[in-house]
Amino acid sequence: DVSDNSISGEIPTSLGECTSLSELSLYQNKLWGDVPAELGNLVGITQMNLIDNGIEGEVPEGLCSLGAEIQVDCSVTCAEDCCTNYDC
C-alpha cells in the first residue's frame, strides 16, 4: 500500500513484472497518464485502487480479464463489469 505518499508521474510499466502481487493501492497520489497494459500481467491481483490521481484513458482489457476489483475515478473508462467502483 503506497496510498497518500505524493508519488508523482506515470504508473511504471515495470509494475507488470510483479506477478505475485495480490493488492495494489495507489490511492491519493499524484499519478497521471494511462493505465499501462503491462498491469494485465498481474495474474495474482485481486484488488487495485487507482482513485484520486490524474489517471486517464481506459483500463486495459488484459487487466479487466483478471477479475480483480478495480477502483478508478470517472476520468478512466472501463469495459462493462470491469471496474467495480467508480468514484463519481
N, C-alpha and C. Protein backbone atom coordinates (compact mmCIF):
# COMPACT_ATOMS: atom_id res chain seq x y z
N ASP A 1 0.84 -1.18 0.00
CA ASP A 1 0.00 0.00 0.00
C ASP A 1 0.89 1.24 0.00
N VAL A 2 0.84 1.97 -1.07
CA VAL A 2 1.59 3.22 -1.17
C VAL A 2 0.64 4.40 -1.33
N SER A 3 -0.53 4.29 -0.73
CA SER A 3 -1.52 5.35 -0.79
C SER A 3 -1.04 6.60 -0.07
N ASP A 4 -1.48 7.75 -0.59
CA ASP A 4 -1.25 9.04 0.05
C ASP A 4 0.21 9.30 0.36
N ASN A 5 1.07 9.10 -0.65
CA ASN A 5 2.51 9.32 -0.48
C ASN A 5 3.07 10.36 -1.43
N SER A 6 2.22 11.10 -2.11
CA SER A 6 2.63 12.14 -3.06
C SER A 6 3.54 11.60 -4.16
N ILE A 7 3.34 10.33 -4.53
CA ILE A 7 4.08 9.75 -5.64
C ILE A 7 3.58 10.42 -6.91
N SER A 8 4.50 10.87 -7.74
CA SER A 8 4.09 11.57 -8.96
C SER A 8 4.68 10.90 -10.19
N GLY A 9 4.04 11.17 -11.32
CA GLY A 9 4.49 10.62 -12.60
C GLY A 9 3.52 9.59 -13.12
N GLU A 10 3.95 8.87 -14.15
CA GLU A 10 3.12 7.83 -14.72
C GLU A 10 3.27 6.54 -13.92
N ILE A 11 2.27 5.68 -14.01
CA ILE A 11 2.37 4.37 -13.36
C ILE A 11 3.45 3.60 -14.10
N PRO A 12 4.48 3.12 -13.41
CA PRO A 12 5.57 2.42 -14.09
C PRO A 12 5.10 1.12 -14.74
N THR A 13 5.49 0.90 -15.98
CA THR A 13 5.14 -0.34 -16.66
C THR A 13 5.78 -1.54 -15.97
N SER A 14 6.88 -1.31 -15.27
CA SER A 14 7.59 -2.40 -14.59
C SER A 14 6.75 -3.03 -13.47
N LEU A 15 5.69 -2.36 -13.01
CA LEU A 15 4.80 -2.98 -12.02
C LEU A 15 4.18 -4.26 -12.56
N GLY A 16 4.07 -4.36 -13.87
CA GLY A 16 3.54 -5.55 -14.50
C GLY A 16 4.41 -6.78 -14.30
N GLU A 17 5.64 -6.59 -13.85
CA GLU A 17 6.56 -7.70 -13.58
C GLU A 17 6.34 -8.30 -12.20
N CYS A 18 5.54 -7.65 -11.38
CA CYS A 18 5.28 -8.12 -10.00
C CYS A 18 4.10 -9.08 -10.01
N THR A 19 4.25 -10.19 -10.68
CA THR A 19 3.13 -11.09 -10.96
C THR A 19 2.54 -11.75 -9.72
N SER A 20 3.24 -11.76 -8.60
CA SER A 20 2.68 -12.35 -7.39
C SER A 20 1.95 -11.32 -6.53
N LEU A 21 1.89 -10.09 -6.98
CA LEU A 21 1.20 -9.03 -6.26
C LEU A 21 -0.29 -9.33 -6.21
N SER A 22 -0.88 -9.26 -5.01
CA SER A 22 -2.32 -9.53 -4.90
C SER A 22 -3.15 -8.26 -4.72
N GLU A 23 -2.58 -7.24 -4.14
CA GLU A 23 -3.28 -5.97 -3.96
C GLU A 23 -2.35 -4.82 -4.32
N LEU A 24 -2.91 -3.82 -4.99
CA LEU A 24 -2.14 -2.64 -5.35
C LEU A 24 -2.99 -1.41 -5.06
N SER A 25 -2.57 -0.63 -4.08
CA SER A 25 -3.31 0.58 -3.73
C SER A 25 -2.41 1.79 -3.99
N LEU A 26 -2.76 2.52 -5.03
CA LEU A 26 -2.04 3.75 -5.39
C LEU A 26 -2.93 4.97 -5.13
N TYR A 27 -3.93 4.78 -4.30
CA TYR A 27 -4.91 5.80 -3.96
C TYR A 27 -4.25 7.09 -3.51
N GLN A 28 -4.78 8.20 -3.95
CA GLN A 28 -4.45 9.54 -3.49
C GLN A 28 -2.95 9.85 -3.58
N ASN A 29 -2.45 9.77 -4.81
CA ASN A 29 -1.10 10.21 -5.11
C ASN A 29 -1.19 11.27 -6.20
N LYS A 30 -0.14 11.46 -6.92
CA LYS A 30 -0.13 12.45 -8.00
C LYS A 30 0.26 11.78 -9.30
N LEU A 31 -0.31 10.60 -9.53
CA LEU A 31 -0.03 9.85 -10.74
C LEU A 31 -0.87 10.37 -11.88
N TRP A 32 -0.37 10.26 -13.10
CA TRP A 32 -1.09 10.74 -14.28
C TRP A 32 -0.82 9.81 -15.44
N GLY A 33 -1.53 10.04 -16.52
CA GLY A 33 -1.34 9.24 -17.72
C GLY A 33 -2.32 8.07 -17.78
N ASP A 34 -2.00 7.13 -18.64
CA ASP A 34 -2.85 5.96 -18.86
C ASP A 34 -2.50 4.83 -17.90
N VAL A 35 -3.44 3.91 -17.75
CA VAL A 35 -3.18 2.67 -17.01
C VAL A 35 -2.39 1.77 -17.96
N PRO A 36 -1.15 1.40 -17.60
CA PRO A 36 -0.33 0.62 -18.53
C PRO A 36 -0.90 -0.77 -18.81
N ALA A 37 -0.82 -1.20 -20.06
CA ALA A 37 -1.27 -2.53 -20.46
C ALA A 37 -0.52 -3.62 -19.70
N GLU A 38 0.70 -3.34 -19.29
CA GLU A 38 1.52 -4.32 -18.57
C GLU A 38 0.90 -4.76 -17.26
N LEU A 39 -0.02 -3.95 -16.70
CA LEU A 39 -0.68 -4.36 -15.46
C LEU A 39 -1.56 -5.58 -15.69
N GLY A 40 -1.85 -5.90 -16.92
CA GLY A 40 -2.58 -7.11 -17.26
C GLY A 40 -1.78 -8.38 -16.99
N ASN A 41 -0.49 -8.23 -16.69
CA ASN A 41 0.37 -9.37 -16.34
C ASN A 41 0.26 -9.75 -14.87
N LEU A 42 -0.46 -8.96 -14.09
CA LEU A 42 -0.57 -9.20 -12.64
C LEU A 42 -1.59 -10.30 -12.37
N VAL A 43 -1.25 -11.51 -12.71
CA VAL A 43 -2.19 -12.63 -12.66
C VAL A 43 -2.71 -12.94 -11.25
N GLY A 44 -2.01 -12.50 -10.22
CA GLY A 44 -2.45 -12.76 -8.85
C GLY A 44 -3.24 -11.63 -8.23
N ILE A 45 -3.47 -10.56 -8.98
CA ILE A 45 -4.12 -9.37 -8.42
C ILE A 45 -5.59 -9.63 -8.12
N THR A 46 -6.02 -9.20 -6.93
CA THR A 46 -7.43 -9.31 -6.55
C THR A 46 -8.06 -7.94 -6.34
N GLN A 47 -7.25 -6.95 -5.96
CA GLN A 47 -7.76 -5.60 -5.72
C GLN A 47 -6.76 -4.57 -6.21
N MET A 48 -7.29 -3.51 -6.85
CA MET A 48 -6.46 -2.42 -7.31
C MET A 48 -7.21 -1.12 -7.12
N ASN A 49 -6.60 -0.15 -6.45
CA ASN A 49 -7.23 1.14 -6.20
C ASN A 49 -6.38 2.24 -6.83
N LEU A 50 -6.94 2.90 -7.83
CA LEU A 50 -6.25 3.98 -8.54
C LEU A 50 -6.97 5.32 -8.35
N ILE A 51 -7.88 5.38 -7.40
CA ILE A 51 -8.71 6.57 -7.19
C ILE A 51 -7.88 7.75 -6.69
N ASP A 52 -8.33 8.93 -7.07
CA ASP A 52 -7.79 10.21 -6.60
C ASP A 52 -6.37 10.45 -7.09
N ASN A 53 -6.20 10.28 -8.39
CA ASN A 53 -4.97 10.60 -9.10
C ASN A 53 -5.36 11.35 -10.37
N GLY A 54 -4.44 11.57 -11.25
CA GLY A 54 -4.73 12.21 -12.54
C GLY A 54 -4.73 11.21 -13.68
N ILE A 55 -5.06 9.97 -13.38
CA ILE A 55 -5.03 8.91 -14.38
C ILE A 55 -6.22 9.06 -15.33
N GLU A 56 -5.96 8.82 -16.62
CA GLU A 56 -6.99 8.94 -17.65
C GLU A 56 -6.95 7.73 -18.56
N GLY A 57 -7.79 7.73 -19.55
CA GLY A 57 -7.77 6.68 -20.56
C GLY A 57 -8.65 5.50 -20.19
N GLU A 58 -8.25 4.32 -20.65
CA GLU A 58 -9.03 3.11 -20.43
C GLU A 58 -8.24 2.11 -19.59
N VAL A 59 -8.98 1.30 -18.85
CA VAL A 59 -8.37 0.17 -18.18
C VAL A 59 -8.16 -0.90 -19.26
N PRO A 60 -6.92 -1.38 -19.44
CA PRO A 60 -6.65 -2.35 -20.50
C PRO A 60 -7.46 -3.63 -20.35
N GLU A 61 -7.86 -4.22 -21.49
CA GLU A 61 -8.64 -5.45 -21.49
C GLU A 61 -7.96 -6.57 -20.71
N GLY A 62 -6.65 -6.66 -20.84
CA GLY A 62 -5.91 -7.70 -20.14
C GLY A 62 -6.06 -7.62 -18.64
N LEU A 63 -6.13 -6.40 -18.12
CA LEU A 63 -6.33 -6.20 -16.69
C LEU A 63 -7.77 -6.54 -16.31
N CYS A 64 -8.71 -6.15 -17.13
CA CYS A 64 -10.12 -6.45 -16.87
C CYS A 64 -10.36 -7.96 -16.81
N SER A 65 -9.69 -8.69 -17.66
CA SER A 65 -9.93 -10.13 -17.75
C SER A 65 -9.44 -10.90 -16.52
N LEU A 66 -8.68 -10.25 -15.64
CA LEU A 66 -8.16 -10.92 -14.45
C LEU A 66 -9.21 -11.06 -13.35
N GLY A 67 -10.32 -10.32 -13.46
CA GLY A 67 -11.40 -10.44 -12.48
C GLY A 67 -11.13 -9.74 -11.16
N ALA A 68 -10.16 -8.85 -11.12
CA ALA A 68 -9.84 -8.12 -9.89
C ALA A 68 -10.87 -7.03 -9.64
N GLU A 69 -10.98 -6.61 -8.40
CA GLU A 69 -11.79 -5.44 -8.05
C GLU A 69 -10.93 -4.22 -8.34
N ILE A 70 -11.33 -3.44 -9.34
CA ILE A 70 -10.55 -2.28 -9.79
C ILE A 70 -11.35 -1.03 -9.49
N GLN A 71 -10.74 -0.11 -8.78
CA GLN A 71 -11.40 1.14 -8.43
C GLN A 71 -10.67 2.29 -9.12
N VAL A 72 -11.43 3.11 -9.86
CA VAL A 72 -10.86 4.22 -10.60
C VAL A 72 -11.78 5.44 -10.52
N ASP A 73 -11.25 6.59 -10.90
CA ASP A 73 -12.03 7.82 -10.99
C ASP A 73 -12.85 7.83 -12.28
N CYS A 74 -13.73 8.81 -12.39
CA CYS A 74 -14.58 8.95 -13.58
C CYS A 74 -13.78 9.26 -14.85
N SER A 75 -12.55 9.74 -14.72
CA SER A 75 -11.73 10.09 -15.88
C SER A 75 -11.18 8.85 -16.59
N VAL A 76 -11.40 7.68 -16.02
CA VAL A 76 -10.91 6.42 -16.59
C VAL A 76 -12.11 5.63 -17.12
N THR A 77 -11.98 5.12 -18.33
CA THR A 77 -13.03 4.34 -18.95
C THR A 77 -12.78 2.86 -18.69
N CYS A 78 -13.84 2.15 -18.38
CA CYS A 78 -13.74 0.71 -18.14
C CYS A 78 -14.76 -0.02 -18.99
N ALA A 79 -14.38 -1.22 -19.40
CA ALA A 79 -15.34 -2.09 -20.07
C ALA A 79 -16.43 -2.46 -19.06
N GLU A 80 -17.59 -2.82 -19.57
CA GLU A 80 -18.70 -3.20 -18.69
C GLU A 80 -18.28 -4.32 -17.75
N ASP A 81 -18.61 -4.19 -16.50
CA ASP A 81 -18.30 -5.16 -15.45
C ASP A 81 -16.81 -5.28 -15.13
N CYS A 82 -16.00 -4.34 -15.61
CA CYS A 82 -14.57 -4.41 -15.33
C CYS A 82 -14.26 -3.71 -14.02
N CYS A 83 -14.68 -2.48 -13.89
CA CYS A 83 -14.40 -1.70 -12.69
C CYS A 83 -15.61 -1.78 -11.77
N THR A 84 -15.37 -2.17 -10.55
CA THR A 84 -16.47 -2.40 -9.64
C THR A 84 -16.90 -1.14 -8.90
N ASN A 85 -16.09 -0.09 -8.91
CA ASN A 85 -16.45 1.08 -8.16
C ASN A 85 -15.85 2.33 -8.78
N TYR A 86 -16.67 3.06 -9.51
CA TYR A 86 -16.24 4.38 -9.96
C TYR A 86 -16.44 5.35 -8.81
N ASP A 87 -15.52 6.22 -8.58
CA ASP A 87 -15.65 7.24 -7.54
C ASP A 87 -16.23 8.50 -8.19
N CYS A 88 -17.51 8.39 -8.60
CA CYS A 88 -18.18 9.50 -9.30
C CYS A 88 -19.24 10.14 -8.44
